[in-house]
Protein backbone atom coordinates (compact mmCIF):
# COMPACT_ATOMS: atom_id res chain seq x y z
CA MET A 1 -125.41 100.76 25.20
CA ASP A 2 -123.36 101.25 28.32
CA SER A 3 -123.09 104.95 29.15
CA ASN A 4 -119.65 104.46 30.76
CA VAL A 5 -118.29 103.08 27.49
CA ILE A 6 -119.89 105.92 25.52
CA ASP A 7 -118.31 108.47 27.89
CA GLY A 8 -114.93 106.77 27.44
CA LEU A 9 -115.29 106.95 23.66
CA ARG A 10 -116.33 110.61 23.93
CA LYS A 11 -113.12 111.36 25.85
CA ARG A 12 -111.02 109.37 23.38
CA HIS A 13 -112.55 111.20 20.39
CA LYS A 14 -112.56 114.78 21.69
CA HIS A 15 -111.82 116.00 18.15
CA VAL A 16 -115.24 114.82 16.92
CA HIS A 17 -117.88 117.55 17.02
CA PRO A 18 -120.48 116.79 19.74
CA LEU A 19 -123.37 116.69 17.25
CA ILE A 20 -121.55 114.23 14.98
CA PHE A 21 -120.67 112.13 18.01
CA HIS A 22 -124.32 112.12 19.12
CA ARG A 23 -125.46 111.12 15.62
CA SER A 24 -122.86 108.36 15.57
CA VAL A 25 -124.29 106.98 18.81
CA GLU A 26 -127.78 107.03 17.25
CA TYR A 27 -126.61 105.21 14.11
CA ALA A 28 -124.52 102.59 15.91
CA ARG A 29 -125.96 99.09 16.37
CA ASP A 30 -123.83 98.46 19.45
CA VAL A 31 -120.71 99.73 21.22
CA THR A 32 -118.37 97.86 18.87
CA HIS A 33 -120.02 99.44 15.85
CA LEU A 34 -119.78 102.88 17.51
CA PHE A 35 -116.05 102.33 18.04
CA ASP A 36 -115.65 101.41 14.36
CA ILE A 37 -117.65 104.45 13.25
CA LEU A 38 -115.53 106.82 15.31
CA GLU A 39 -112.22 105.21 14.34
CA SER A 40 -113.05 105.45 10.63
CA MET A 41 -114.28 109.06 10.82
CA PRO A 42 -113.07 111.00 7.75
CA LYS A 43 -110.65 113.85 8.34
CA LYS A 44 -112.12 115.97 5.52
CA PHE A 45 -115.49 117.68 5.44
CA PRO A 46 -118.30 117.80 4.49
CA ILE A 47 -119.34 114.33 5.56
CA ILE A 48 -122.60 112.45 5.18
CA TRP A 49 -123.91 109.24 6.72
CA ASP A 50 -123.84 106.38 4.21
CA ASP A 51 -126.57 103.83 4.95
CA ASP A 52 -124.94 101.24 2.67
CA THR A 53 -121.60 101.16 4.51
CA GLU A 54 -123.07 102.30 7.84
CA SER A 55 -120.33 104.87 8.27
CA TRP A 56 -119.53 108.52 7.62
CA SER A 57 -118.14 109.32 4.19
CA VAL A 58 -116.76 112.44 2.54
CA CYS A 59 -119.07 114.22 0.14
CA ARG A 60 -117.67 116.79 -2.29
CA ASP A 61 -120.94 118.70 -2.57
CA ILE A 62 -123.67 117.66 -0.17
CA THR A 63 -126.38 119.31 -2.30
CA LEU A 64 -125.54 117.04 -5.24
CA ASN A 65 -125.32 113.82 -3.26
CA LYS A 66 -128.01 111.44 -4.47
CA LYS A 67 -128.24 109.63 -1.14
CA PHE A 68 -128.73 112.90 0.71
CA LEU A 69 -131.52 113.97 -1.63
CA GLU A 70 -133.28 110.58 -1.43
CA ARG A 71 -133.15 110.60 2.35
CA ASP A 72 -135.60 113.52 2.65
CA LYS A 73 -138.31 111.80 0.60
């Protein structure tokens, strides 16, 4: 991915925590996907990465989330 584009997206999405932004870059297939991930970022927390939709989603209780528990296995 082009670092100039990533820096531009970082400036555009200043409200996104740096660690979540970094994780989003890791999960993104390409710059377009990264843009979509950041634009669809939930406003509520906690959030968890959903492998099925390839996006962040709100989780009421992260300790009870089946996908979160399966991920550590």
